[in-house]
């Protein structure tokens, strides 16, 4: 997978993240800069969800991308 493909996958994933956690701003997502752990931390800070529940939802969103 080249950089453009990876960036495209990240963009698709973050679009789903923003749909799921609608109060996230584009700036908050951009600050994560492709770092899933950073994005989880930002969601956790904003919503108070557990890291485990966010990671589980991330895995579901990633799974949706494979279809």
N, C-alpha and C. Protein backbone atom coordinates (compact mmCIF):
# COMPACT_ATOMS: atom_id res chain seq x y z
N UNK A 1 0.86 -1.18 0.00
CA UNK A 1 0.00 0.00 0.00
C UNK A 1 0.90 1.24 0.00
N UNK A 2 0.68 2.12 -0.97
CA UNK A 2 1.50 3.33 -1.03
C UNK A 2 0.91 4.43 -0.14
N UNK A 3 1.61 5.54 -0.06
CA UNK A 3 1.20 6.64 0.83
C UNK A 3 -0.19 7.18 0.46
N UNK A 4 -0.45 7.34 -0.82
CA UNK A 4 -1.76 7.85 -1.25
C UNK A 4 -2.89 6.91 -0.83
N UNK A 5 -2.66 5.61 -0.97
CA UNK A 5 -3.67 4.63 -0.56
C UNK A 5 -3.88 4.68 0.95
N UNK A 6 -2.79 4.76 1.69
CA UNK A 6 -2.86 4.82 3.15
C UNK A 6 -3.59 6.09 3.59
N UNK A 7 -3.26 7.20 2.96
CA UNK A 7 -3.93 8.46 3.28
C UNK A 7 -5.42 8.39 2.96
N UNK A 8 -5.75 7.75 1.85
CA UNK A 8 -7.15 7.59 1.46
C UNK A 8 -7.92 6.74 2.47
N UNK A 9 -7.30 5.66 2.93
CA UNK A 9 -7.92 4.81 3.94
C UNK A 9 -8.13 5.58 5.24
N UNK A 10 -7.12 6.37 5.63
CA UNK A 10 -7.24 7.17 6.85
C UNK A 10 -8.38 8.18 6.71
N UNK A 11 -8.49 8.81 5.55
CA UNK A 11 -9.58 9.78 5.32
C UNK A 11 -10.95 9.10 5.42
N UNK A 12 -11.08 7.92 4.85
CA UNK A 12 -12.34 7.18 4.94
C UNK A 12 -12.65 6.83 6.39
N UNK A 13 -11.63 6.37 7.10
CA UNK A 13 -11.79 5.99 8.49
C UNK A 13 -12.19 7.20 9.34
N UNK A 14 -11.50 8.33 9.16
CA UNK A 14 -11.83 9.50 9.99
C UNK A 14 -13.21 10.05 9.66
N UNK A 15 -13.66 9.89 8.44
CA UNK A 15 -15.03 10.30 8.11
C UNK A 15 -16.02 9.48 8.91
N UNK A 16 -15.77 8.19 9.03
CA UNK A 16 -16.64 7.32 9.84
C UNK A 16 -16.54 7.68 11.32
N UNK A 17 -15.35 8.02 11.77
CA UNK A 17 -15.16 8.42 13.17
C UNK A 17 -15.98 9.67 13.45
N UNK A 18 -15.93 10.64 12.54
CA UNK A 18 -16.68 11.89 12.74
C UNK A 18 -18.19 11.65 12.69
N UNK A 19 -18.62 10.67 11.91
CA UNK A 19 -20.04 10.32 11.90
C UNK A 19 -20.45 9.69 13.23
N UNK A 20 -19.57 8.87 13.77
CA UNK A 20 -19.87 8.17 15.02
C UNK A 20 -19.80 9.10 16.22
N UNK A 21 -18.77 9.93 16.26
CA UNK A 21 -18.59 10.89 17.35
C UNK A 21 -18.74 12.28 16.75
N UNK A 22 -19.97 12.68 16.56
CA UNK A 22 -20.32 13.88 15.81
C UNK A 22 -19.82 15.20 16.35
N UNK A 23 -19.43 15.25 17.63
CA UNK A 23 -18.94 16.51 18.18
C UNK A 23 -17.46 16.74 17.92
N UNK A 24 -16.78 15.77 17.32
CA UNK A 24 -15.37 15.96 16.99
C UNK A 24 -15.25 16.97 15.85
N UNK A 25 -14.32 17.87 15.99
CA UNK A 25 -14.09 18.84 14.92
C UNK A 25 -13.04 18.30 13.95
N UNK A 26 -13.02 18.88 12.77
CA UNK A 26 -11.98 18.51 11.80
C UNK A 26 -10.59 18.77 12.38
N UNK A 27 -10.44 19.87 13.10
CA UNK A 27 -9.14 20.20 13.70
C UNK A 27 -8.70 19.14 14.70
N UNK A 28 -9.63 18.65 15.51
CA UNK A 28 -9.28 17.62 16.48
C UNK A 28 -8.83 16.34 15.79
N UNK A 29 -9.49 15.99 14.71
CA UNK A 29 -9.10 14.80 13.97
C UNK A 29 -7.77 15.02 13.27
N UNK A 30 -7.57 16.20 12.69
CA UNK A 30 -6.31 16.50 11.99
C UNK A 30 -5.13 16.49 12.95
N UNK A 31 -5.34 16.93 14.19
CA UNK A 31 -4.25 16.95 15.17
C UNK A 31 -3.75 15.55 15.48
N UNK A 32 -4.58 14.55 15.28
CA UNK A 32 -4.15 13.17 15.50
C UNK A 32 -3.14 12.72 14.44
N UNK A 33 -3.16 13.36 13.27
CA UNK A 33 -2.18 13.14 12.20
C UNK A 33 -1.92 11.67 11.89
N UNK A 34 -2.97 10.89 11.72
CA UNK A 34 -2.80 9.49 11.36
C UNK A 34 -2.49 8.57 12.52
N UNK A 35 -2.47 9.10 13.74
CA UNK A 35 -2.15 8.31 14.92
C UNK A 35 -3.44 7.87 15.60
N UNK A 36 -3.74 6.60 15.51
CA UNK A 36 -4.98 6.06 16.07
C UNK A 36 -5.05 6.27 17.58
N UNK A 37 -3.94 6.07 18.28
CA UNK A 37 -3.93 6.24 19.74
C UNK A 37 -4.21 7.68 20.14
N UNK A 38 -3.68 8.62 19.37
CA UNK A 38 -3.94 10.04 19.64
C UNK A 38 -5.42 10.36 19.42
N UNK A 39 -5.99 9.79 18.38
CA UNK A 39 -7.41 10.01 18.09
C UNK A 39 -8.28 9.40 19.20
N UNK A 40 -7.92 8.22 19.66
CA UNK A 40 -8.64 7.60 20.77
C UNK A 40 -8.58 8.50 22.00
N UNK A 41 -7.41 9.06 22.29
CA UNK A 41 -7.25 9.94 23.45
C UNK A 41 -8.12 11.19 23.32
N UNK A 42 -8.22 11.75 22.14
CA UNK A 42 -9.06 12.93 21.92
C UNK A 42 -10.54 12.60 22.10
N UNK A 43 -10.95 11.45 21.62
CA UNK A 43 -12.34 11.03 21.80
C UNK A 43 -12.62 10.79 23.28
N UNK A 44 -11.69 10.13 23.93
CA UNK A 44 -11.84 9.83 25.35
C UNK A 44 -11.97 11.11 26.16
N UNK A 45 -11.15 12.10 25.83
CA UNK A 45 -11.19 13.38 26.53
C UNK A 45 -12.53 14.09 26.30
N UNK A 46 -13.01 14.06 25.09
CA UNK A 46 -14.23 14.80 24.75
C UNK A 46 -15.50 14.10 25.22
N UNK A 47 -15.52 12.78 25.14
CA UNK A 47 -16.75 12.04 25.43
C UNK A 47 -16.73 11.29 26.77
N UNK A 48 -15.55 11.05 27.32
CA UNK A 48 -15.46 10.32 28.58
C UNK A 48 -15.63 8.82 28.43
N UNK A 49 -15.63 8.32 27.19
CA UNK A 49 -15.74 6.88 26.97
C UNK A 49 -14.44 6.20 27.39
N UNK A 50 -14.53 4.92 27.71
CA UNK A 50 -13.32 4.18 28.06
C UNK A 50 -12.49 3.93 26.80
N UNK A 51 -11.20 3.80 27.00
CA UNK A 51 -10.30 3.52 25.89
C UNK A 51 -10.69 2.21 25.20
N UNK A 52 -11.09 1.24 26.00
CA UNK A 52 -11.47 -0.06 25.46
C UNK A 52 -12.72 0.04 24.57
N UNK A 53 -13.72 0.80 25.02
CA UNK A 53 -14.94 0.91 24.21
C UNK A 53 -14.69 1.67 22.91
N UNK A 54 -13.82 2.67 22.97
CA UNK A 54 -13.47 3.41 21.75
C UNK A 54 -12.70 2.50 20.80
N UNK A 55 -11.73 1.75 21.33
CA UNK A 55 -10.94 0.84 20.49
C UNK A 55 -11.85 -0.22 19.86
N UNK A 56 -12.82 -0.72 20.60
CA UNK A 56 -13.76 -1.71 20.06
C UNK A 56 -14.54 -1.10 18.89
N UNK A 57 -15.03 0.12 19.07
CA UNK A 57 -15.78 0.79 18.01
C UNK A 57 -14.87 1.05 16.81
N UNK A 58 -13.61 1.43 17.06
CA UNK A 58 -12.65 1.63 15.96
C UNK A 58 -12.54 0.34 15.15
N UNK A 59 -12.40 -0.79 15.84
CA UNK A 59 -12.26 -2.07 15.13
C UNK A 59 -13.49 -2.36 14.29
N UNK A 60 -14.66 -2.00 14.80
CA UNK A 60 -15.89 -2.18 14.02
C UNK A 60 -15.87 -1.28 12.78
N UNK A 61 -15.43 -0.05 12.95
CA UNK A 61 -15.37 0.88 11.82
C UNK A 61 -14.36 0.42 10.78
N UNK A 62 -13.23 -0.11 11.23
CA UNK A 62 -12.21 -0.63 10.32
C UNK A 62 -12.76 -1.84 9.58
N UNK A 63 -13.49 -2.70 10.30
CA UNK A 63 -14.10 -3.87 9.70
C UNK A 63 -15.08 -3.51 8.61
N UNK A 64 -15.83 -2.41 8.83
CA UNK A 64 -16.78 -1.93 7.83
C UNK A 64 -16.05 -1.52 6.56
N UNK A 65 -14.81 -1.05 6.70
CA UNK A 65 -14.04 -0.56 5.57
C UNK A 65 -13.58 -1.68 4.65
N UNK A 66 -13.51 -2.89 5.19
CA UNK A 66 -12.99 -4.02 4.40
C UNK A 66 -14.01 -4.59 3.44
N UNK A 67 -15.26 -4.22 3.58
CA UNK A 67 -16.29 -4.80 2.71
C UNK A 67 -16.33 -4.15 1.35
